[in-house]
Every structure is written in C-alpha cells, then in structure tokens.
N, C-alpha and C. Protein backbone atom coordinates (compact mmCIF):
# COMPACT_ATOMS: atom_id res chain seq x y z
N UNK A 1 54.92 6.83 25.31
CA UNK A 1 53.64 6.97 25.45
C UNK A 1 52.50 5.99 26.01
N UNK A 2 52.03 6.69 26.88
CA UNK A 2 50.65 6.10 28.40
C UNK A 2 49.48 6.02 27.07
N UNK A 3 48.59 4.95 26.69
CA UNK A 3 47.24 4.50 25.71
C UNK A 3 46.57 4.99 26.63
N UNK A 4 46.41 3.55 27.97
CA UNK A 4 45.82 3.63 29.09
C UNK A 4 46.11 3.36 30.40
N UNK A 5 46.98 4.66 30.74
CA UNK A 5 46.46 4.81 31.30
C UNK A 5 45.65 6.24 32.89
N UNK A 6 45.86 6.19 34.25
CA UNK A 6 45.88 6.93 35.32
C UNK A 6 46.64 8.25 34.47
N UNK A 7 45.70 9.40 34.89
CA UNK A 7 46.70 10.98 34.87
C UNK A 7 47.01 10.96 36.10
N UNK A 8 48.19 12.31 36.63
CA UNK A 8 48.87 12.37 37.46
C UNK A 8 47.90 13.47 38.37
N UNK A 9 48.61 14.12 39.37
CA UNK A 9 47.11 15.06 39.78
C UNK A 9 47.97 16.19 38.89
N UNK A 10 46.67 17.04 39.56
CA UNK A 10 47.14 18.23 38.19
C UNK A 10 48.29 19.09 38.02
N UNK A 11 48.55 19.19 39.37
CA UNK A 11 49.68 20.18 39.30
C UNK A 11 51.07 19.38 38.70
N UNK A 12 51.04 17.58 38.43
CA UNK A 12 52.05 17.11 37.87
C UNK A 12 51.85 17.07 36.01
N UNK A 13 50.62 17.54 35.87
CA UNK A 13 49.90 17.79 34.83
C UNK A 13 50.29 19.16 34.01
N UNK A 14 50.48 19.95 34.66
CA UNK A 14 50.79 21.72 34.57
C UNK A 14 50.13 22.63 33.58
N UNK A 15 48.82 21.81 34.04
CA UNK A 15 47.15 22.72 33.39
C UNK A 15 47.13 23.87 35.25
N UNK A 16 46.12 24.34 33.78
CA UNK A 16 45.39 25.58 34.82
C UNK A 16 44.82 24.72 36.00
N UNK A 17 43.74 23.65 35.41
CA UNK A 17 41.97 23.63 36.25
C UNK A 17 42.98 22.36 36.04
N UNK A 18 41.50 21.20 36.92
CA UNK A 18 41.72 20.05 36.63
C UNK A 18 40.60 20.13 36.51
N UNK A 19 39.86 20.50 35.46
CA UNK A 19 38.39 19.83 34.22
C UNK A 19 39.40 20.64 33.12
N UNK A 20 39.39 19.07 32.29
CA UNK A 20 39.59 18.99 31.10
C UNK A 20 38.03 18.92 30.03
N UNK A 21 37.39 19.91 29.30
CA UNK A 21 35.95 19.59 29.07
C UNK A 21 36.81 18.99 27.09
N UNK A 22 35.41 18.38 27.26
CA UNK A 22 35.75 18.17 25.55
C UNK A 22 34.66 17.94 24.67
N UNK A 23 34.04 17.61 23.91
CA UNK A 23 32.96 17.12 23.26
C UNK A 23 31.93 16.26 23.56
N UNK A 24 31.19 16.47 23.84
CA UNK A 24 29.73 15.29 23.76
C UNK A 24 30.50 13.50 23.83
N UNK A 25 29.92 13.34 25.26
CA UNK A 25 30.40 11.54 25.14
C UNK A 25 30.00 10.63 23.80
N UNK A 26 30.57 9.91 23.17
CA UNK A 26 30.84 9.29 21.94
C UNK A 26 31.48 7.93 23.09
N UNK A 27 30.73 6.67 21.74
CA UNK A 27 31.09 5.92 22.43
C UNK A 27 32.70 5.85 21.91
N UNK A 28 33.73 4.51 22.58
CA UNK A 28 34.68 4.37 21.52
C UNK A 28 35.75 5.40 22.39
N UNK A 29 35.17 6.23 22.86
CA UNK A 29 35.89 6.97 22.72
C UNK A 29 36.93 7.27 24.82
N UNK A 30 38.12 7.51 24.55
CA UNK A 30 38.47 7.30 25.94
C UNK A 30 38.79 8.13 26.84
N UNK A 31 38.10 8.33 27.97
CA UNK A 31 38.16 9.51 29.12
C UNK A 31 38.73 8.58 30.02
N UNK A 32 40.00 10.22 30.98
CA UNK A 32 40.76 9.84 31.55
C UNK A 32 40.23 11.28 32.87
N UNK A 33 40.58 10.48 33.92
CA UNK A 33 40.36 11.36 35.07
C UNK A 33 40.21 12.68 34.93
N UNK A 34 39.58 13.82 35.09
CA UNK A 34 38.91 15.33 34.73
C UNK A 34 38.90 15.64 33.72
N UNK A 35 38.72 14.56 33.14
CA UNK A 35 38.17 14.74 31.92
C UNK A 35 36.20 15.43 31.80
N UNK A 36 36.31 16.25 31.18
CA UNK A 36 34.02 16.56 31.39
C UNK A 36 33.54 16.28 30.22
N UNK A 37 32.34 16.10 29.70
CA UNK A 37 31.83 16.01 28.77
C UNK A 37 30.17 16.41 29.29
N UNK A 38 29.40 17.17 28.39
CA UNK A 38 28.28 16.91 28.04
C UNK A 38 27.18 16.01 28.12
N UNK A 39 26.21 15.66 28.97
CA UNK A 39 25.64 14.18 27.54
C UNK A 39 24.37 14.56 28.57
N UNK A 40 23.61 14.67 27.82
CA UNK A 40 21.27 14.82 28.04
C UNK A 40 21.13 15.82 28.99
N UNK A 41 22.20 16.45 28.71
CA UNK A 41 21.43 18.15 29.47
C UNK A 41 22.55 18.04 30.12
N UNK A 42 22.63 17.31 30.95
CA UNK A 42 23.44 17.39 31.74
C UNK A 42 25.31 17.72 32.11
N UNK A 43 26.43 17.99 32.78
CA UNK A 43 27.43 17.72 32.16
C UNK A 43 28.16 16.84 33.30
N UNK A 44 29.12 16.31 33.26
CA UNK A 44 30.34 14.63 34.38
C UNK A 44 31.29 15.01 33.71
N UNK A 45 32.14 14.40 35.16
CA UNK A 45 33.60 14.69 34.67
C UNK A 45 34.34 13.48 35.64
N UNK A 46 35.04 12.69 34.31
CA UNK A 46 35.50 11.67 34.82
C UNK A 46 36.69 10.91 36.08
N UNK A 47 36.11 10.35 36.62
CA UNK A 47 37.10 9.61 37.79
C UNK A 47 38.00 8.93 37.93
N UNK A 48 37.25 7.70 36.40
CA UNK A 48 38.48 7.22 36.49
C UNK A 48 38.73 6.68 35.43
N UNK A 49 39.53 6.04 34.64
CA UNK A 49 40.24 5.96 32.72
C UNK A 49 38.72 4.82 33.03
N UNK A 50 37.75 5.06 31.72
CA UNK A 50 36.98 4.48 31.27
C UNK A 50 36.75 4.30 29.89
N UNK A 51 36.14 3.54 28.78
CA UNK A 51 35.18 3.69 27.58
C UNK A 51 34.38 2.68 27.37
N UNK A 52 33.33 3.50 26.56
CA UNK A 52 31.74 2.60 26.54
C UNK A 52 31.38 3.24 27.44
N UNK A 53 31.59 3.79 28.25
CA UNK A 53 30.50 3.50 30.21
C UNK A 53 30.01 5.34 29.62
N UNK A 54 28.57 5.23 29.25
CA UNK A 54 28.23 6.88 29.76
C UNK A 54 27.66 7.05 30.63
N UNK A 55 27.72 8.44 31.34
CA UNK A 55 27.58 8.85 32.69
C UNK A 55 26.05 8.99 32.66
N UNK A 56 25.13 8.49 33.31
CA UNK A 56 26.38 8.79 34.84
C UNK A 56 26.29 7.24 35.63
N UNK A 57 27.48 6.74 35.77
CA UNK A 57 28.55 5.68 36.47
C UNK A 57 28.94 5.83 37.81
N UNK A 58 29.63 4.62 37.84
CA UNK A 58 30.60 4.75 39.32
C UNK A 58 31.49 5.47 38.34
N UNK A 59 32.17 5.92 36.91
CA UNK A 59 33.12 6.29 36.78
C UNK A 59 33.63 7.88 36.16
N UNK A 60 31.94 8.40 36.68
CA UNK A 60 31.79 9.59 36.46
C UNK A 60 31.44 9.90 37.47
N UNK A 61 31.31 12.01 38.42
CA UNK A 61 30.97 12.11 39.01
C UNK A 61 30.04 13.91 38.37
N UNK A 62 28.20 13.85 38.83
CA UNK A 62 27.75 15.26 37.63
C UNK A 62 28.65 16.42 38.36
N UNK A 63 28.41 17.28 37.48
CA UNK A 63 29.13 18.52 37.59
C UNK A 63 28.15 19.25 37.66
N UNK A 64 27.15 19.30 37.17
CA UNK A 64 25.63 19.90 36.72
C UNK A 64 24.91 19.47 36.07
N UNK A 65 23.49 19.33 36.37
CA UNK A 65 22.61 18.84 36.07
C UNK A 65 20.88 19.45 35.48
N UNK A 66 20.84 19.28 34.82
CA UNK A 66 19.44 19.64 33.74
C UNK A 66 18.70 19.85 34.24
N UNK A 67 18.43 21.06 34.32
CA UNK A 67 17.11 21.45 34.64
C UNK A 67 16.03 21.35 34.39
N UNK A 68 15.49 22.23 35.09
CA UNK A 68 13.64 21.38 35.04
C UNK A 68 13.24 22.53 33.38
N UNK A 69 11.94 21.73 32.76
CA UNK A 69 12.04 22.92 31.87
C UNK A 69 10.92 24.23 32.29
N UNK A 70 11.04 25.13 32.10
CA UNK A 70 10.62 26.64 32.62
C UNK A 70 9.08 26.56 31.65
N UNK A 71 9.00 27.77 32.09
CA UNK A 71 6.79 27.74 32.02
C UNK A 71 6.91 28.37 30.23
N UNK A 72 5.54 27.53 29.84
CA UNK A 72 5.59 28.38 28.90
C UNK A 72 5.40 29.40 28.48
N UNK A 73 6.05 30.14 27.44
CA UNK A 73 6.28 31.89 26.63
C UNK A 73 5.26 31.87 25.98
N UNK A 74 4.73 33.16 26.83
CA UNK A 74 3.40 33.81 25.65
C UNK A 74 3.21 33.58 24.52
N UNK A 75 2.06 33.28 23.73
CA UNK A 75 1.30 32.89 22.72
C UNK A 75 2.76 33.89 21.53
N UNK A 76 2.86 33.89 20.59
CA UNK A 76 2.89 34.50 18.91
C UNK A 76 2.23 35.07 18.35
N UNK A 77 2.82 35.81 17.59
CA UNK A 77 1.45 36.47 16.44
C UNK A 77 1.30 35.47 15.54
N UNK A 78 -0.11 35.64 15.11
CA UNK A 78 -0.62 34.87 14.30
C UNK A 78 -0.02 35.07 13.06
N UNK A 79 0.11 33.61 12.47
CA UNK A 79 1.15 33.15 11.56
C UNK A 79 -0.34 33.53 10.07
N UNK A 80 0.66 33.97 8.72
CA UNK A 80 -0.23 33.80 7.60
C UNK A 80 -1.18 32.61 7.56
N UNK A 81 -2.56 32.55 6.75
CA UNK A 81 -3.25 31.64 6.19
C UNK A 81 -2.61 31.05 5.45
N UNK A 82 -2.62 29.41 6.23
CA UNK A 82 -2.64 28.51 5.15
C UNK A 82 -3.34 28.63 3.83
N UNK A 83 -2.47 27.38 2.88
CA UNK A 83 -3.09 27.35 1.28
C UNK A 83 -3.75 26.55 1.31
N UNK A 84 -5.03 27.30 0.60
CA UNK A 84 -6.47 26.40 0.90
C UNK A 84 -6.44 24.62 0.12
N UNK A 85 -7.18 24.06 1.05
CA UNK A 85 -6.79 22.97 1.15
C UNK A 85 -7.73 22.28 0.12
N UNK A 86 -7.57 20.43 -0.09
CA UNK A 86 -8.22 19.57 -1.12
C UNK A 86 -9.77 19.50 -0.75
N UNK A 87 -10.44 19.46 -1.82
CA UNK A 87 -12.29 18.94 -1.31
C UNK A 87 -12.09 17.76 -0.34
N UNK A 88 -12.31 17.53 -0.30
CA UNK A 88 -13.18 16.05 0.57
C UNK A 88 -13.67 14.62 -0.37
N UNK A 89 -13.83 14.13 -0.04
CA UNK A 89 -14.07 12.55 -0.72
C UNK A 89 -15.87 13.53 -2.01
N UNK A 90 -15.69 12.89 -3.03
CA UNK A 90 -17.45 13.58 -3.79
C UNK A 90 -18.33 13.14 -3.28
N UNK A 91 -19.54 14.04 -3.69
CA UNK A 91 -20.84 13.63 -3.57
C UNK A 91 -21.80 14.56 -4.18
N UNK A 92 -22.39 13.32 -4.46
CA UNK A 92 -23.19 12.84 -5.92
C UNK A 92 -24.97 12.69 -5.08
N UNK A 93 -25.56 13.56 -6.07
CA UNK A 93 -27.27 12.82 -5.87
C UNK A 93 -27.20 12.59 -7.08
N UNK A 94 -28.56 12.14 -7.20
CA UNK A 94 -29.23 11.38 -8.54
C UNK A 94 -30.74 11.10 -8.27
N UNK A 95 -31.52 11.37 -9.49
CA UNK A 95 -33.06 10.74 -9.50
C UNK A 95 -32.82 10.13 -11.22
N UNK A 96 -33.49 9.15 -11.35
CA UNK A 96 -34.21 8.73 -12.36
C UNK A 96 -36.20 8.83 -12.44
N UNK A 97 -36.11 8.66 -13.34
CA UNK A 97 -37.80 8.35 -13.46
C UNK A 97 -38.46 7.90 -13.13
N UNK A 98 -39.79 8.22 -12.74
CA UNK A 98 -40.83 7.83 -11.77
C UNK A 98 -41.43 6.63 -11.51
N UNK A 99 -41.22 6.23 -13.29
CA UNK A 99 -41.91 5.07 -13.94
C UNK A 99 -41.73 4.81 -15.13
N UNK A 100 -42.41 3.63 -15.65
CA UNK A 100 -41.95 3.27 -16.73
C UNK A 100 -42.92 3.20 -17.92
N UNK A 101 -44.19 3.35 -18.04
CA UNK A 101 -45.35 4.51 -18.84
C UNK A 101 -44.58 6.22 -19.18
N UNK A 102 -43.79 6.56 -18.27
CA UNK A 102 -43.39 7.62 -19.32
C UNK A 102 -44.04 9.19 -18.87
N UNK A 103 -43.65 10.15 -19.27
CA UNK A 103 -44.00 11.65 -18.50
C UNK A 103 -44.36 12.30 -20.27
N UNK A 104 -46.00 12.17 -19.87
CA UNK A 104 -46.17 13.33 -20.83
C UNK A 104 -45.77 14.56 -20.73
N UNK A 105 -44.40 15.73 -21.68
CA UNK A 105 -45.28 16.55 -21.03
C UNK A 105 -46.03 17.83 -21.77
N UNK A 106 -46.61 18.81 -20.86
CA UNK A 106 -48.10 20.01 -21.02
C UNK A 106 -47.41 21.05 -21.32
N UNK A 107 -47.30 21.36 -22.16
CA UNK A 107 -47.52 23.17 -22.66
C UNK A 107 -47.11 23.90 -21.52
N UNK A 108 -47.74 24.23 -20.26
CA UNK A 108 -47.72 24.81 -19.39
C UNK A 108 -46.35 24.18 -18.41
N UNK A 109 -45.85 23.07 -18.93
CA UNK A 109 -45.10 22.62 -18.11
C UNK A 109 -44.76 21.53 -17.73
N UNK A 110 -44.40 20.57 -17.31
CA UNK A 110 -44.80 18.91 -16.55
C UNK A 110 -43.16 18.22 -16.05
N UNK A 111 -43.07 18.86 -14.59
CA UNK A 111 -41.52 18.41 -14.30
C UNK A 111 -41.86 16.94 -14.18
N UNK A 112 -40.18 16.70 -14.97
CA UNK A 112 -39.78 15.17 -15.04
C UNK A 112 -38.88 14.75 -13.56
N UNK A 113 -37.91 15.55 -13.07
CA UNK A 113 -37.58 15.10 -11.29
C UNK A 113 -36.94 16.02 -11.51
N UNK A 114 -36.50 16.01 -9.93
CA UNK A 114 -36.13 16.80 -8.67
C UNK A 114 -35.31 16.38 -7.76
N UNK A 115 -34.19 17.27 -7.71
CA UNK A 115 -33.10 16.56 -6.35
C UNK A 115 -33.17 17.97 -5.27
N UNK A 116 -33.63 17.27 -3.61
CA UNK A 116 -33.26 18.86 -3.38
C UNK A 116 -31.80 18.04 -2.24
N UNK A 117 -31.45 19.24 -2.56
CA UNK A 117 -30.46 19.28 -2.26
C UNK A 117 -29.06 19.92 -0.78
N UNK A 118 -28.22 19.87 -0.64
CA UNK A 118 -28.00 21.23 0.85
C UNK A 118 -27.20 21.96 0.14
N UNK A 119 -26.19 23.03 1.37
CA UNK A 119 -25.77 24.04 0.71
C UNK A 119 -24.96 23.95 0.41
N UNK A 120 -23.86 24.06 -0.83
CA UNK A 120 -22.57 23.97 -1.65
C UNK A 120 -22.90 23.76 -2.75
N UNK A 121 -21.82 23.81 -3.59
CA UNK A 121 -21.58 24.68 -5.12
C UNK A 121 -21.46 22.53 -5.98
N UNK A 122 -22.19 22.75 -7.18
CA UNK A 122 -22.89 21.79 -7.80
C UNK A 122 -22.50 22.00 -9.24
N UNK A 123 -22.19 20.78 -10.05
CA UNK A 123 -22.56 20.82 -11.02
C UNK A 123 -23.49 19.54 -10.97
N UNK A 124 -24.78 20.48 -12.70
CA UNK A 124 -25.60 19.29 -12.15
C UNK A 124 -25.78 19.49 -13.66
N UNK A 125 -26.18 18.06 -14.73
CA UNK A 125 -26.44 17.41 -15.45
C UNK A 125 -28.03 16.86 -15.99
N UNK A 126 -28.11 17.26 -16.94
CA UNK A 126 -30.22 16.07 -16.76
C UNK A 126 -29.52 15.90 -18.37
N UNK A 127 -30.12 14.46 -18.62
CA UNK A 127 -30.14 13.92 -19.66
C UNK A 127 -31.58 13.48 -20.36
N UNK A 128 -32.53 13.33 -20.73
CA UNK A 128 -33.40 12.41 -21.52
C UNK A 128 -33.75 12.22 -22.14
N UNK A 129 -34.04 11.35 -23.44
CA UNK A 129 -34.59 10.71 -24.62
C UNK A 129 -36.29 10.60 -24.13
N UNK A 130 -36.57 11.87 -25.20
CA UNK A 130 -37.75 12.45 -25.90
C UNK A 130 -38.45 12.23 -27.18
N UNK A 131 -39.58 12.13 -26.79
CA UNK A 131 -40.19 11.18 -28.54
C UNK A 131 -41.41 12.04 -28.77
N UNK A 132 -42.21 12.36 -29.55
CA UNK A 132 -43.15 12.31 -30.56
C UNK A 132 -44.11 11.66 -30.96
N UNK A 133 -44.58 11.45 -30.39
CA UNK A 133 -46.16 10.29 -29.98
C UNK A 133 -47.31 10.88 -30.82
N UNK A 134 -47.39 12.05 -31.44
CA UNK A 134 -48.24 12.63 -32.16
C UNK A 134 -47.97 12.44 -33.95
N UNK A 135 -49.25 12.66 -34.93
CA UNK A 135 -48.96 12.43 -35.91
C UNK A 135 -48.45 13.62 -36.85
N UNK A 136 -48.12 15.32 -35.61
CA UNK A 136 -48.11 16.39 -36.09
C UNK A 136 -46.15 16.46 -35.21
N UNK A 137 -45.66 17.71 -36.39
CA UNK A 137 -44.57 18.22 -35.65
C UNK A 137 -44.88 18.70 -34.18
N UNK A 138 -43.74 18.37 -33.60
CA UNK A 138 -44.43 19.15 -32.43
C UNK A 138 -42.74 19.79 -31.77
N UNK A 139 -43.15 21.06 -30.85
CA UNK A 139 -41.70 21.99 -30.70
C UNK A 139 -41.79 21.64 -28.96
N UNK A 140 -40.61 21.24 -28.77
CA UNK A 140 -40.36 21.06 -27.10
C UNK A 140 -39.05 21.84 -26.47
N UNK A 141 -39.30 21.64 -25.05
CA UNK A 141 -38.73 22.74 -23.84
C UNK A 141 -37.81 22.10 -23.50
N UNK A 142 -36.65 22.07 -22.81
CA UNK A 142 -35.90 20.92 -21.31
C UNK A 142 -35.88 22.61 -20.27
N UNK A 143 -35.76 22.75 -18.97
CA UNK A 143 -35.63 23.88 -18.34
C UNK A 143 -34.84 22.63 -17.17
N UNK A 144 -34.19 23.69 -16.34
CA UNK A 144 -33.18 23.20 -14.94
C UNK A 144 -33.88 24.72 -14.33
N UNK A 145 -34.53 24.26 -13.44
CA UNK A 145 -34.54 25.47 -12.06
C UNK A 145 -34.19 25.25 -10.91
N UNK A 146 -33.75 26.90 -10.08
CA UNK A 146 -33.37 26.21 -8.95
C UNK A 146 -34.29 26.98 -8.31
N UNK A 147 -35.30 26.12 -7.40
CA UNK A 147 -37.11 27.09 -6.50
C UNK A 147 -37.74 27.37 -8.03
N UNK A 148 -37.63 28.75 -7.96
CA UNK A 148 -38.80 29.44 -8.87
C UNK A 148 -37.44 30.07 -10.31
N UNK A 149 -36.29 29.69 -10.12
CA UNK A 149 -35.69 30.35 -11.14
C UNK A 149 -35.13 29.66 -12.55
N UNK A 150 -35.03 30.13 -13.27
CA UNK A 150 -34.47 28.76 -13.91
C UNK A 150 -33.23 29.14 -14.69
N UNK A 151 -32.20 28.75 -14.58
CA UNK A 151 -31.07 28.06 -14.20
C UNK A 151 -30.61 28.17 -15.89
N UNK A 152 -30.64 27.36 -16.49
CA UNK A 152 -31.03 26.98 -17.95
C UNK A 152 -31.84 26.37 -19.21
N UNK A 153 -32.20 26.41 -19.89
CA UNK A 153 -33.76 26.01 -20.83
C UNK A 153 -32.31 25.62 -22.44
N UNK A 154 -33.41 25.22 -23.03
CA UNK A 154 -33.00 24.76 -24.45
C UNK A 154 -34.61 23.15 -25.18
N UNK A 155 -34.05 23.29 -26.13
CA UNK A 155 -35.62 22.88 -26.87
C UNK A 155 -34.82 22.10 -27.98
N UNK A 156 -36.12 22.20 -29.32
CA UNK A 156 -36.05 21.62 -30.57
C UNK A 156 -37.11 21.63 -31.21
N UNK A 157 -36.92 20.87 -32.02
CA UNK A 157 -38.28 20.51 -32.94
C UNK A 157 -38.69 19.09 -33.07
N UNK A 158 -39.20 18.15 -33.05
CA UNK A 158 -39.10 16.75 -33.28
C UNK A 158 -40.80 16.75 -34.96
N UNK A 159 -39.85 16.12 -35.22
CA UNK A 159 -41.07 15.93 -36.61
C UNK A 159 -42.03 14.47 -36.16
N UNK A 160 -42.87 13.89 -36.63
CA UNK A 160 -43.68 12.49 -36.70
C UNK A 160 -43.31 11.87 -35.90
N UNK A 161 -43.29 11.26 -34.67
CA UNK A 161 -43.32 9.87 -34.29
C UNK A 161 -41.89 9.50 -34.57
N UNK A 162 -40.99 10.43 -33.77
CA UNK A 162 -38.98 10.58 -33.60
C UNK A 162 -38.57 10.95 -32.11
N UNK A 163 -37.42 10.58 -31.81
CA UNK A 163 -37.21 10.75 -30.95
C UNK A 163 -35.79 12.02 -30.97
N UNK A 164 -35.31 12.40 -29.83
CA UNK A 164 -34.04 13.00 -29.98
C UNK A 164 -33.72 13.12 -28.33
N UNK A 165 -32.30 13.75 -28.23
CA UNK A 165 -31.75 13.48 -26.75
C UNK A 165 -31.88 14.90 -26.25
N UNK A 166 -32.17 14.45 -25.26
CA UNK A 166 -31.86 16.64 -24.77
C UNK A 166 -31.47 16.73 -23.72
N UNK A 167 -30.14 16.62 -23.22
CA UNK A 167 -28.88 17.27 -22.79
C UNK A 167 -29.01 18.97 -22.07
N UNK A 168 -28.50 18.78 -20.94
CA UNK A 168 -28.88 19.86 -20.42
C UNK A 168 -27.70 20.07 -19.33
N UNK A 169 -27.00 21.02 -18.75
CA UNK A 169 -25.88 21.02 -18.29
C UNK A 169 -25.62 22.58 -17.47
N UNK A 170 -25.10 22.60 -16.72
CA UNK A 170 -25.38 24.09 -15.48
C UNK A 170 -24.24 23.63 -14.74
N UNK A 171 -23.64 24.91 -14.17
CA UNK A 171 -22.52 24.49 -12.54
C UNK A 171 -23.05 26.14 -12.13
N UNK A 172 -23.15 25.88 -11.21
CA UNK A 172 -23.89 26.99 -9.92
C UNK A 172 -24.06 26.85 -8.69
N UNK A 173 -24.03 27.64 -7.84
CA UNK A 173 -23.66 27.26 -6.39
C UNK A 173 -24.69 27.93 -5.53
N UNK A 174 -25.38 27.13 -4.52
CA UNK A 174 -26.17 27.37 -3.33
C UNK A 174 -25.93 28.82 -3.32
N UNK A 175 -27.41 29.39 -3.07
CA UNK A 175 -27.07 31.04 -2.26
C UNK A 175 -28.17 30.45 -1.04
N UNK A 176 -27.24 31.72 -0.14
CA UNK A 176 -26.90 31.33 1.39
C UNK A 176 -27.28 31.09 1.77
N UNK A 177 -26.15 29.69 1.73
CA UNK A 177 -26.01 28.62 2.50
C UNK A 177 -27.03 27.81 3.00
N UNK A 178 -27.74 27.47 2.07
CA UNK A 178 -29.32 27.29 2.14
C UNK A 178 -29.91 25.26 1.28
N UNK A 179 -30.63 25.21 1.63
CA UNK A 179 -30.77 23.81 1.10
C UNK A 179 -31.99 23.97 -0.61
N UNK A 180 -31.61 23.69 -1.29
CA UNK A 180 -32.06 24.41 -2.28
C UNK A 180 -33.05 22.96 -2.73
N UNK A 181 -34.07 23.05 -4.50
CA UNK A 181 -34.79 21.88 -4.72
C UNK A 181 -34.24 21.84 -6.25
N UNK A 182 -33.62 21.50 -7.08
CA UNK A 182 -33.60 21.62 -8.49
C UNK A 182 -34.41 20.74 -9.38
N UNK A 183 -34.86 21.44 -10.24
CA UNK A 183 -35.93 20.40 -11.02
C UNK A 183 -36.08 20.96 -12.66
N UNK A 184 -36.08 19.40 -12.85
CA UNK A 184 -35.84 19.61 -14.49
C UNK A 184 -38.05 19.03 -15.09
N UNK A 185 -37.83 20.51 -15.73
CA UNK A 185 -39.09 20.93 -16.27
C UNK A 185 -39.12 20.99 -17.68
N UNK A 186 -40.13 19.88 -18.75
CA UNK A 186 -40.42 19.55 -19.63
C UNK A 186 -41.74 19.97 -20.59
N UNK A 187 -41.69 21.07 -21.77
CA UNK A 187 -42.94 21.62 -21.87
C UNK A 187 -42.12 20.96 -23.91
N UNK A 188 -44.58 21.09 -23.57
CA UNK A 188 -44.01 20.66 -25.28
C UNK A 188 -45.78 19.38 -25.59
N UNK A 189 -46.35 18.98 -26.34
CA UNK A 189 -47.52 18.87 -26.60
C UNK A 189 -47.34 17.30 -27.02
N UNK A 190 -48.03 16.14 -26.55
CA UNK A 190 -47.34 15.07 -27.13
C UNK A 190 -45.99 14.27 -26.98
N UNK A 191 -45.06 15.13 -26.17
CA UNK A 191 -44.08 14.71 -26.53
C UNK A 191 -43.73 14.31 -25.21
N UNK A 192 -43.27 12.51 -25.08
CA UNK A 192 -42.57 11.97 -24.14
C UNK A 192 -42.19 11.69 -23.21
N UNK A 193 -41.50 11.62 -21.95
CA UNK A 193 -40.34 11.18 -21.57
C UNK A 193 -39.94 10.03 -21.33
N UNK A 194 -39.41 8.77 -21.57
CA UNK A 194 -39.75 6.73 -21.42
C UNK A 194 -38.48 6.83 -20.81
N UNK A 195 -38.52 6.13 -19.44
CA UNK A 195 -37.47 5.70 -18.70
C UNK A 195 -37.48 3.55 -18.77
N UNK A 196 -36.24 3.86 -19.69
CA UNK A 196 -36.15 2.43 -20.06
C UNK A 196 -34.79 1.67 -20.28
N UNK A 197 -34.28 0.88 -20.13
CA UNK A 197 -32.33 0.66 -20.45
C UNK A 197 -31.17 1.49 -20.87
N UNK A 198 -32.71 1.34 -22.23
CA UNK A 198 -31.96 1.30 -24.24
C UNK A 198 -31.77 3.60 -23.87
N UNK A 199 -33.36 3.88 -23.04
CA UNK A 199 -33.25 5.22 -23.26
C UNK A 199 -33.27 5.62 -21.68
N UNK A 200 -32.01 5.90 -21.15
CA UNK A 200 -32.24 6.44 -20.27
C UNK A 200 -32.55 7.46 -19.42
N UNK A 201 -33.27 8.28 -18.24
CA UNK A 201 -33.26 9.50 -17.69
C UNK A 201 -32.39 10.00 -16.81
N UNK A 202 -32.09 10.48 -16.78
CA UNK A 202 -31.18 11.23 -15.24
C UNK A 202 -30.74 12.92 -15.01
N UNK A 203 -30.68 12.96 -13.87
CA UNK A 203 -30.87 14.16 -13.41
C UNK A 203 -29.77 13.71 -12.25
N UNK A 204 -28.36 14.63 -12.28
CA UNK A 204 -27.06 14.17 -11.60
C UNK A 204 -26.85 16.15 -11.08
N UNK A 205 -26.45 15.43 -9.63
CA UNK A 205 -25.69 16.79 -9.09
C UNK A 205 -24.85 16.52 -8.52
N UNK A 206 -23.34 17.11 -8.92
CA UNK A 206 -22.29 16.70 -8.25
C UNK A 206 -21.31 17.89 -7.06
N UNK A 207 -21.69 17.80 -6.12
CA UNK A 207 -21.27 18.60 -4.88
C UNK A 207 -19.58 19.11 -5.39
N UNK A 208 -19.45 19.56 -5.10
CA UNK A 208 -18.32 20.29 -5.59
C UNK A 208 -17.51 21.16 -4.75
N UNK A 209 -16.26 21.54 -4.67
CA UNK A 209 -15.24 22.93 -3.57
C UNK A 209 -16.02 23.98 -3.91
N UNK A 210 -15.18 24.88 -3.83
CA UNK A 210 -15.68 26.61 -3.60
C UNK A 210 -15.74 26.47 -5.48
N UNK A 211 -16.38 27.29 -5.70
CA UNK A 211 -15.94 27.85 -7.01
C UNK A 211 -15.72 29.43 -7.17
N UNK A 212 -15.01 29.52 -7.63
CA UNK A 212 -13.92 30.65 -8.34
C UNK A 212 -14.17 31.12 -9.44
N UNK A 213 -14.88 32.55 -9.22
CA UNK A 213 -14.47 32.78 -11.15
C UNK A 213 -13.05 33.71 -11.55
N UNK A 214 -13.06 33.18 -12.71
CA UNK A 214 -11.54 33.09 -12.71
C UNK A 214 -11.60 33.64 -14.58
C-alpha cells in the first residue's frame, strides 16, 4: 500500500484519461499527480504529490480560470409592497396658560390656549382647573376647535365659589396634509382658569402614525 507515492503514467494506472476529478480542494487531503479540483471558481490539476498546499502554486497547473462577471441582467418585475413600517419617534406639542393672573371666561367665548400643528395625525388632550368666582352658580363650557370647526366640547355647572377640573380629549387627522391651529376655548361668566402648580393647565397634541378606521 503506497500512502504518499507518486502515481505512474496514465497507461500504468489503466485509466481512460490522465485527469481524475475530485471534490473541491480541502485542507488535509492528499492530492496526487493527475487529480483535479475546483478552487475559488477555477479548476486545477496536481503536478506533484502534495497536501495543505492550495492552488495556485508550483504543485498545481491551471485547467480553466474563473471567468469575468457577465453584464447586469434586465430589471425584474416589481415585487409586492412590504408591510407597513413602524412610526418614528413621537412628536409632542404643548402649551400652558399665559400668565398667573388667570383667564376669565366670557359668554361669547374666550381663547385659553392654542397650538400650531404641522400636517399629520394627532391625539389631543386639554386639561384645566376652572373656578367660579361669582356669588351665583354659573354654567361653563370648554371647546376644542380646529380652525372654526368644533372638534369636541363639554361643560357643567359650578356652584358659588367652587372649582372643578375640565378635561377634553379627541383623536383627529389633519385635513389635506396642511398645517392647522388647535384652540381651547372657554364659555361662561365669572369662570376663571388659573395657572399654578397645584392647578395646572395644559393643551397637548401628540403626533402619531396613520389613523385607520377599525
């Protein structure tokens, strides 16, 4: 048994040709003259007995070299649309009451605060602490408007020298992809909104992704 000996001429081996193709070149394998392997897109034939010596080297002769890359093919058909992506970071717009002296409601309406918003979809919330500074019971109304359109409103009645918390919340989509102004308006008589730490006022709009009717 000859483990590491040179093979004789092809006619001595009784084979049909002088090339004996093997699997791709691998480290540790023994290659004898006449044995051919593919390697990195080209093919080589061993000239001498060798191991752990990848082609090209003095132990190998090139049979066929790897060809150049062909020209780019024509563009394929457009694939189906992918799944909707995740919305980016949240954008929040907020405003607080304009001063510590409070804002008094008028029967014809008084603007408490407003936000200028770029086009998009928003969740809007308004929260105020309202006080009746009159000697009589008074009705009050809070209203969220987009331009001249009322989005939502709510109200109640305050007894003499009492207070209440008014909260409005609405979900809407800006129209025609245009910027818009949101306004919180109060209606009443001798009803006052104060701005202080214990009774904060806020008008907040949080921009969200596309709104879908479910």
